[in-house]
Amino acid sequence: MADKEDKNPENVKGQFYVDSQCIDCDLCRETAPNNFTREEDEGYSYLSKQPENDEERELCIEAMEGCPVEAIGDDGE
């Protein structure tokens, strides 16, 4: 389960986030490319844009549920 106290610093504020458990598998970026971005130097994902509509929200939830290391969290904000 993702730890909101261990969020990657690049995450934008809001409901979803990625924590330091991310293994750079690319699943979230493939599932919700408008919302997740890769930090190139360190090699991990972060939430670059919170979902702005139901479709993006559903894709973020799909990415969270599919994350192999449960690095994506939902604050419910």
PDB file of N, CA and C in Angstrom:
ATOM      1  N   MET A   1       0.833  -1.181   0.000  1.00  0.00           N
ATOM      2  CA  MET A   1       0.000   0.000   0.000  1.00  0.00           C
ATOM      3  C   MET A   1       0.882   1.250   0.000  1.00  0.00           C
ATOM      4  N   ALA A   2       0.523   2.207  -0.837  1.00  0.00           N
ATOM      5  CA  ALA A   2       1.298   3.441  -0.945  1.00  0.00           C
ATOM      6  C   ALA A   2       1.275   4.219   0.373  1.00  0.00           C
ATOM      7  N   ASP A   3       2.383   4.901   0.641  1.00  0.00           N
ATOM      8  CA  ASP A   3       2.540   5.654   1.885  1.00  0.00           C
ATOM      9  C   ASP A   3       2.524   7.151   1.580  1.00  0.00           C
ATOM     10  N   LYS A   4       1.482   7.844   2.025  1.00  0.00           N
ATOM     11  CA  LYS A   4       1.377   9.273   1.724  1.00  0.00           C
ATOM     12  C   LYS A   4       2.462  10.097   2.391  1.00  0.00           C
ATOM     13  N   GLU A   5       3.136   9.528   3.386  1.00  0.00           N
ATOM     14  CA  GLU A   5       4.255  10.217   4.029  1.00  0.00           C
ATOM     15  C   GLU A   5       5.554  10.050   3.225  1.00  0.00           C
ATOM     16  N   ASP A   6       5.504   9.223   2.191  1.00  0.00           N
ATOM     17  CA  ASP A   6       6.702   8.911   1.400  1.00  0.00           C
ATOM     18  C   ASP A   6       6.477   9.221  -0.085  1.00  0.00           C
ATOM     19  N   LYS A   7       5.686  10.256  -0.370  1.00  0.00           N
ATOM     20  CA  LYS A   7       5.382  10.636  -1.749  1.00  0.00           C
ATOM     21  C   LYS A   7       6.637  11.129  -2.457  1.00  0.00           C
ATOM     22  N   ASN A   8       6.732  10.822  -3.748  1.00  0.00           N
ATOM     23  CA  ASN A   8       7.800  11.417  -4.554  1.00  0.00           C
ATOM     24  C   ASN A   8       7.551  12.929  -4.600  1.00  0.00           C
ATOM     25  N   PRO A   9       8.612  13.727  -4.491  1.00  0.00           N
ATOM     26  CA  PRO A   9       8.440  15.180  -4.352  1.00  0.00           C
ATOM     27  C   PRO A   9       7.809  15.865  -5.565  1.00  0.00           C
ATOM     28  N   GLU A  10       7.875  15.248  -6.735  1.00  0.00           N
ATOM     29  CA  GLU A  10       7.351  15.879  -7.951  1.00  0.00           C
ATOM     30  C   GLU A  10       5.834  15.788  -8.085  1.00  0.00           C
ATOM     31  N   ASN A  11       5.190  14.941  -7.292  1.00  0.00           N
ATOM     32  CA  ASN A  11       3.733  14.796  -7.390  1.00  0.00           C
ATOM     33  C   ASN A  11       3.038  16.140  -7.225  1.00  0.00           C
ATOM     34  N   VAL A  12       2.035  16.379  -8.081  1.00  0.00           N
ATOM     35  CA  VAL A  12       1.213  17.564  -7.886  1.00  0.00           C
ATOM     36  C   VAL A  12       0.222  17.275  -6.757  1.00  0.00           C
ATOM     37  N   LYS A  13      -0.174  18.305  -6.041  1.00  0.00           N
ATOM     38  CA  LYS A  13      -1.103  18.131  -4.918  1.00  0.00           C
ATOM     39  C   LYS A  13      -2.440  17.609  -5.415  1.00  0.00           C
ATOM     40  N   GLY A  14      -3.049  16.776  -4.593  1.00  0.00           N
ATOM     41  CA  GLY A  14      -4.368  16.287  -4.924  1.00  0.00           C
ATOM     42  C   GLY A  14      -4.576  14.847  -4.506  1.00  0.00           C
ATOM     43  N   GLN A  15      -5.577  14.250  -5.088  1.00  0.00           N
ATOM     44  CA  GLN A  15      -6.055  12.931  -4.696  1.00  0.00           C
ATOM     45  C   GLN A  15      -5.031  11.815  -4.887  1.00  0.00           C
ATOM     46  N   PHE A  16      -4.422  11.721  -6.055  1.00  0.00           N
ATOM     47  CA  PHE A  16      -3.519  10.613  -6.365  1.00  0.00           C
ATOM     48  C   PHE A  16      -2.058  11.031  -6.207  1.00  0.00           C
ATOM     49  N   TYR A  17      -1.211  10.039  -5.954  1.00  0.00           N
ATOM     50  CA  TYR A  17       0.233  10.283  -5.821  1.00  0.00           C
ATOM     51  C   TYR A  17       0.978   8.969  -6.038  1.00  0.00           C
ATOM     52  N   VAL A  18       2.298   9.081  -6.233  1.00  0.00           N
ATOM     53  CA  VAL A  18       3.184   7.918  -6.331  1.00  0.00           C
ATOM     54  C   VAL A  18       4.221   8.069  -5.226  1.00  0.00           C
ATOM     55  N   ASP A  19       4.514   6.966  -4.529  1.00  0.00           N
ATOM     56  CA  ASP A  19       5.518   7.047  -3.465  1.00  0.00           C
ATOM     57  C   ASP A  19       6.843   6.431  -3.927  1.00  0.00           C
ATOM     58  N   SER A  20       7.808   6.376  -3.033  1.00  0.00           N
ATOM     59  CA  SER A  20       9.170   5.965  -3.391  1.00  0.00           C
ATOM     60  C   SER A  20       9.312   4.471  -3.678  1.00  0.00           C
ATOM     61  N   GLN A  21       8.251   3.686  -3.526  1.00  0.00           N
ATOM     62  CA  GLN A  21       8.318   2.266  -3.855  1.00  0.00           C
ATOM     63  C   GLN A  21       8.332   2.015  -5.367  1.00  0.00           C
ATOM     64  N   CYS A  22       8.051   3.040  -6.161  1.00  0.00           N
ATOM     65  CA  CYS A  22       7.950   2.894  -7.617  1.00  0.00           C
ATOM     66  C   CYS A  22       9.204   2.239  -8.192  1.00  0.00           C
ATOM     67  N   ILE A  23       8.984   1.237  -9.046  1.00  0.00           N
ATOM     68  CA  ILE A  23      10.101   0.515  -9.676  1.00  0.00           C
ATOM     69  C   ILE A  23      10.253   0.861 -11.158  1.00  0.00           C
ATOM     70  N   ASP A  24       9.578   1.919 -11.604  1.00  0.00           N
ATOM     71  CA  ASP A  24       9.715   2.412 -12.975  1.00  0.00           C
ATOM     72  C   ASP A  24       9.287   1.371 -14.014  1.00  0.00           C
ATOM     73  N   CYS A  25       8.182   0.673 -13.734  1.00  0.00           N
ATOM     74  CA  CYS A  25       7.732  -0.388 -14.645  1.00  0.00           C
ATOM     75  C   CYS A  25       6.994   0.155 -15.856  1.00  0.00           C
ATOM     76  N   ASP A  26       6.550   1.394 -15.821  1.00  0.00           N
ATOM     77  CA  ASP A  26       5.883   2.076 -16.926  1.00  0.00           C
ATOM     78  C   ASP A  26       4.388   1.791 -17.023  1.00  0.00           C
ATOM     79  N   LEU A  27       3.826   0.936 -16.184  1.00  0.00           N
ATOM     80  CA  LEU A  27       2.410   0.605 -16.288  1.00  0.00           C
ATOM     81  C   LEU A  27       1.526   1.846 -16.131  1.00  0.00           C
ATOM     82  N   CYS A  28       1.787   2.668 -15.145  1.00  0.00           N
ATOM     83  CA  CYS A  28       0.928   3.831 -14.926  1.00  0.00           C
ATOM     84  C   CYS A  28       1.039   4.826 -16.074  1.00  0.00           C
ATOM     85  N   ARG A  29       2.237   4.993 -16.620  1.00  0.00           N
ATOM     86  CA  ARG A  29       2.420   5.932 -17.724  1.00  0.00           C
ATOM     87  C   ARG A  29       1.743   5.428 -18.993  1.00  0.00           C
ATOM     88  N   GLU A  30       1.677   4.116 -19.170  1.00  0.00           N
ATOM     89  CA  GLU A  30       0.968   3.549 -20.311  1.00  0.00           C
ATOM     90  C   GLU A  30      -0.540   3.618 -20.107  1.00  0.00           C
ATOM     91  N   THR A  31      -0.995   3.405 -18.883  1.00  0.00           N
ATOM     92  CA  THR A  31      -2.427   3.383 -18.579  1.00  0.00           C
ATOM     93  C   THR A  31      -3.029   4.785 -18.573  1.00  0.00           C
ATOM     94  N   ALA A  32      -2.351   5.727 -17.950  1.00  0.00           N
ATOM     95  CA  ALA A  32      -2.860   7.099 -17.817  1.00  0.00           C
ATOM     96  C   ALA A  32      -1.767   8.096 -18.198  1.00  0.00           C
ATOM     97  N   PRO A  33      -1.399   8.144 -19.487  1.00  0.00           N
ATOM     98  CA  PRO A  33      -0.267   8.978 -19.915  1.00  0.00           C
ATOM     99  C   PRO A  33      -0.470  10.479 -19.706  1.00  0.00           C
ATOM    100  N   ASN A  34      -1.700  10.932 -19.590  1.00  0.00           N
ATOM    101  CA  ASN A  34      -1.942  12.359 -19.352  1.00  0.00           C
ATOM    102  C   ASN A  34      -1.685  12.751 -17.903  1.00  0.00           C
ATOM    103  N   ASN A  35      -1.567  11.753 -17.024  1.00  0.00           N
ATOM    104  CA  ASN A  35      -1.464  12.042 -15.603  1.00  0.00           C
ATOM    105  C   ASN A  35      -0.140  11.644 -14.961  1.00  0.00           C
ATOM    106  N   PHE A  36       0.496  10.612 -15.487  1.00  0.00           N
ATOM    107  CA  PHE A  36       1.754  10.134 -14.894  1.00  0.00           C
ATOM    108  C   PHE A  36       2.924  10.459 -15.821  1.00  0.00           C
ATOM    109  N   THR A  37       4.039  10.822 -15.218  1.00  0.00           N
ATOM    110  CA  THR A  37       5.258  11.185 -15.948  1.00  0.00           C
ATOM    111  C   THR A  37       6.438  10.494 -15.291  1.00  0.00           C
ATOM    112  N   ARG A  38       7.494  10.309 -16.066  1.00  0.00           N
ATOM    113  CA  ARG A  38       8.715   9.672 -15.554  1.00  0.00           C
ATOM    114  C   ARG A  38       9.722  10.717 -15.120  1.00  0.00           C
ATOM    115  N   GLU A  39      10.294  10.524 -13.947  1.00  0.00           N
ATOM    116  CA  GLU A  39      11.417  11.339 -13.487  1.00  0.00           C
ATOM    117  C   GLU A  39      12.645  10.694 -14.106  1.00  0.00           C
ATOM    118  N   GLU A  40      13.209  11.329 -15.112  1.00  0.00           N
ATOM    119  CA  GLU A  40      14.250  10.730 -15.939  1.00  0.00           C
ATOM    120  C   GLU A  40      15.550  10.431 -15.196  1.00  0.00           C
ATOM    121  N   ASP A  41      15.997  11.326 -14.338  1.00  0.00           N
ATOM    122  CA  ASP A  41      17.301  11.141 -13.679  1.00  0.00           C
ATOM    123  C   ASP A  41      17.300   9.971 -12.696  1.00  0.00           C
ATOM    124  N   GLU A  42      16.252   9.865 -11.900  1.00  0.00           N
ATOM    125  CA  GLU A  42      16.197   8.835 -10.866  1.00  0.00           C
ATOM    126  C   GLU A  42      15.421   7.595 -11.294  1.00  0.00           C
ATOM    127  N   GLY A  43      14.613   7.703 -12.349  1.00  0.00           N
ATOM    128  CA  GLY A  43      13.889   6.560 -12.876  1.00  0.00           C
ATOM    129  C   GLY A  43      12.713   6.098 -12.041  1.00  0.00           C
ATOM    130  N   TYR A  44      11.723   6.961 -11.884  1.00  0.00           N
ATOM    131  CA  TYR A  44      10.472   6.581 -11.225  1.00  0.00           C
ATOM    132  C   TYR A  44       9.353   7.459 -11.766  1.00  0.00           C
ATOM    133  N   SER A  45       8.129   7.067 -11.486  1.00  0.00           N
ATOM    134  CA  SER A  45       6.975   7.833 -11.939  1.00  0.00           C
ATOM    135  C   SER A  45       6.465   8.753 -10.844  1.00  0.00           C
ATOM    136  N   TYR A  46       5.729   9.760 -11.269  1.00  0.00           N
ATOM    137  CA  TYR A  46       5.038  10.655 -10.348  1.00  0.00           C
ATOM    138  C   TYR A  46       3.798  11.186 -11.038  1.00  0.00           C
ATOM    139  N   LEU A  47       2.895  11.730 -10.271  1.00  0.00           N
ATOM    140  CA  LEU A  47       1.667  12.273 -10.818  1.00  0.00           C
ATOM    141  C   LEU A  47       1.921  13.711 -11.240  1.00  0.00           C
ATOM    142  N   SER A  48       1.919  13.935 -12.539  1.00  0.00           N
ATOM    143  CA  SER A  48       2.211  15.263 -13.066  1.00  0.00           C
ATOM    144  C   SER A  48       0.953  16.109 -13.229  1.00  0.00           C
ATOM    145  N   LYS A  49      -0.221  15.434 -13.258  1.00  0.00           N
ATOM    146  CA  LYS A  49      -1.481  16.162 -13.393  1.00  0.00           C
ATOM    147  C   LYS A  49      -2.584  15.334 -12.747  1.00  0.00           C
ATOM    148  N   GLN A  50      -3.312  15.935 -11.843  1.00  0.00           N
ATOM    149  CA  GLN A  50      -4.456  15.249 -11.245  1.00  0.00           C
ATOM    150  C   GLN A  50      -5.542  15.084 -12.305  1.00  0.00           C
ATOM    151  N   PRO A  51      -6.354  14.040 -12.188  1.00  0.00           N
ATOM    152  CA  PRO A  51      -7.411  13.836 -13.174  1.00  0.00           C
ATOM    153  C   PRO A  51      -8.388  15.008 -13.196  1.00  0.00           C
ATOM    154  N   GLU A  52      -8.786  15.391 -14.398  1.00  0.00           N
ATOM    155  CA  GLU A  52      -9.684  16.536 -14.564  1.00  0.00           C
ATOM    156  C   GLU A  52     -11.085  16.131 -15.016  1.00  0.00           C
ATOM    157  N   ASN A  53     -11.275  14.820 -15.256  1.00  0.00           N
ATOM    158  CA  ASN A  53     -12.594  14.350 -15.670  1.00  0.00           C
ATOM    159  C   ASN A  53     -12.737  12.883 -15.256  1.00  0.00           C
ATOM    160  N   ASP A  54     -13.926  12.337 -15.464  1.00  0.00           N
ATOM    161  CA  ASP A  54     -14.194  10.952 -15.043  1.00  0.00           C
ATOM    162  C   ASP A  54     -13.299   9.953 -15.760  1.00  0.00           C
ATOM    163  N   GLU A  55     -13.022  10.179 -17.042  1.00  0.00           N
ATOM    164  CA  GLU A  55     -12.179   9.249 -17.797  1.00  0.00           C
ATOM    165  C   GLU A  55     -10.776   9.201 -17.211  1.00  0.00           C
ATOM    166  N   GLU A  56     -10.191  10.359 -16.961  1.00  0.00           N
ATOM    167  CA  GLU A  56      -8.840  10.396 -16.379  1.00  0.00           C
ATOM    168  C   GLU A  56      -8.838   9.784 -14.974  1.00  0.00           C
ATOM    169  N   ARG A  57      -9.879  10.045 -14.199  1.00  0.00           N
ATOM    170  CA  ARG A  57      -9.969   9.482 -12.850  1.00  0.00           C
ATOM    171  C   ARG A  57     -10.011   7.951 -12.919  1.00  0.00           C
ATOM    172  N   GLU A  58     -10.815   7.419 -13.836  1.00  0.00           N
ATOM    173  CA  GLU A  58     -10.913   5.970 -13.998  1.00  0.00           C
ATOM    174  C   GLU A  58      -9.579   5.366 -14.425  1.00  0.00           C
ATOM    175  N   LEU A  59      -8.841   6.059 -15.298  1.00  0.00           N
ATOM    176  CA  LEU A  59      -7.537   5.552 -15.736  1.00  0.00           C
ATOM    177  C   LEU A  59      -6.526   5.586 -14.584  1.00  0.00           C
ATOM    178  N   CYS A  60      -6.587   6.609 -13.741  1.00  0.00           N
ATOM    179  CA  CYS A  60      -5.696   6.672 -12.572  1.00  0.00           C
ATOM    180  C   CYS A  60      -6.016   5.540 -11.600  1.00  0.00           C
ATOM    181  N   ILE A  61      -7.282   5.255 -11.418  1.00  0.00           N
ATOM    182  CA  ILE A  61      -7.683   4.144 -10.546  1.00  0.00           C
ATOM    183  C   ILE A  61      -7.210   2.826 -11.139  1.00  0.00           C
ATOM    184  N   GLU A  62      -7.349   2.672 -12.449  1.00  0.00           N
ATOM    185  CA  GLU A  62      -6.866   1.450 -13.114  1.00  0.00           C
ATOM    186  C   GLU A  62      -5.364   1.290 -12.930  1.00  0.00           C
ATOM    187  N   ALA A  63      -4.619   2.391 -13.065  1.00  0.00           N
ATOM    188  CA  ALA A  63      -3.170   2.349 -12.868  1.00  0.00           C
ATOM    189  C   ALA A  63      -2.842   1.982 -11.418  1.00  0.00           C
ATOM    190  N   MET A  64      -3.564   2.557 -10.478  1.00  0.00           N
ATOM    191  CA  MET A  64      -3.335   2.272  -9.060  1.00  0.00           C
ATOM    192  C   MET A  64      -3.588   0.792  -8.762  1.00  0.00           C
ATOM    193  N   GLU A  65      -4.683   0.269  -9.285  1.00  0.00           N
ATOM    194  CA  GLU A  65      -5.028  -1.132  -9.037  1.00  0.00           C
ATOM    195  C   GLU A  65      -4.055  -2.092  -9.720  1.00  0.00           C
ATOM    196  N   GLY A  66      -3.449  -1.671 -10.827  1.00  0.00           N
ATOM    197  CA  GLY A  66      -2.531  -2.533 -11.556  1.00  0.00           C
ATOM    198  C   GLY A  66      -1.078  -2.422 -11.127  1.00  0.00           C
ATOM    199  N   CYS A  67      -0.761  -1.428 -10.317  1.00  0.00           N
ATOM    200  CA  CYS A  67       0.634  -1.201  -9.909  1.00  0.00           C
ATOM    201  C   CYS A  67       1.180  -2.434  -9.184  1.00  0.00           C
ATOM    202  N   PRO A  68       2.264  -3.037  -9.698  1.00  0.00           N
ATOM    203  CA  PRO A  68       2.775  -4.275  -9.113  1.00  0.00           C
ATOM    204  C   PRO A  68       3.371  -4.120  -7.714  1.00  0.00           C
ATOM    205  N   VAL A  69       3.743  -2.910  -7.334  1.00  0.00           N
ATOM    206  CA  VAL A  69       4.328  -2.709  -5.999  1.00  0.00           C
ATOM    207  C   VAL A  69       3.463  -1.788  -5.122  1.00  0.00           C
ATOM    208  N   GLU A  70       2.248  -1.506  -5.589  1.00  0.00           N
ATOM    209  CA  GLU A  70       1.306  -0.665  -4.851  1.00  0.00           C
ATOM    210  C   GLU A  70       1.901   0.686  -4.471  1.00  0.00           C
ATOM    211  N   ALA A  71       2.595   1.305  -5.425  1.00  0.00           N
ATOM    212  CA  ALA A  71       3.244   2.598  -5.170  1.00  0.00           C
ATOM    213  C   ALA A  71       2.322   3.785  -5.436  1.00  0.00           C
ATOM    214  N   ILE A  72       1.147   3.544  -5.990  1.00  0.00           N
ATOM    215  CA  ILE A  72       0.199   4.631  -6.288  1.00  0.00           C
ATOM    216  C   ILE A  72      -0.837   4.680  -5.177  1.00  0.00           C
ATOM    217  N   GLY A  73      -1.045   5.890  -4.660  1.00  0.00           N
ATOM    218  CA  GLY A  73      -2.004   6.048  -3.583  1.00  0.00           C
ATOM    219  C   GLY A  73      -3.115   7.003  -3.939  1.00  0.00           C
ATOM    220  N   ASP A  74      -4.175   6.926  -3.158  1.00  0.00           N
ATOM    221  CA  ASP A  74      -5.347   7.770  -3.319  1.00  0.00           C
ATOM    222  C   ASP A  74      -5.675   8.365  -1.958  1.00  0.00           C
ATOM    223  N   ASP A  75      -5.436   9.662  -1.814  1.00  0.00           N
ATOM    224  CA  ASP A  75      -5.715  10.372  -0.561  1.00  0.00           C
ATOM    225  C   ASP A  75      -7.201  10.630  -0.370  1.00  0.00           C
ATOM    226  N   GLY A  76      -7.958  10.508  -1.442  1.00  0.00           N
ATOM    227  CA  GLY A  76      -9.372  10.802  -1.370  1.00  0.00           C
ATOM    228  C   GLY A  76      -9.662  12.292  -1.276  1.00  0.00           C
ATOM    229  N   GLU A  77      -8.658  13.121  -1.583  1.00  0.00           N
ATOM    230  CA  GLU A  77      -8.831  14.585  -1.511  1.00  0.00           C
ATOM    231  C   GLU A  77      -9.735  15.070  -2.613  1.00  0.00           C
TER     232      GLU A  77
END
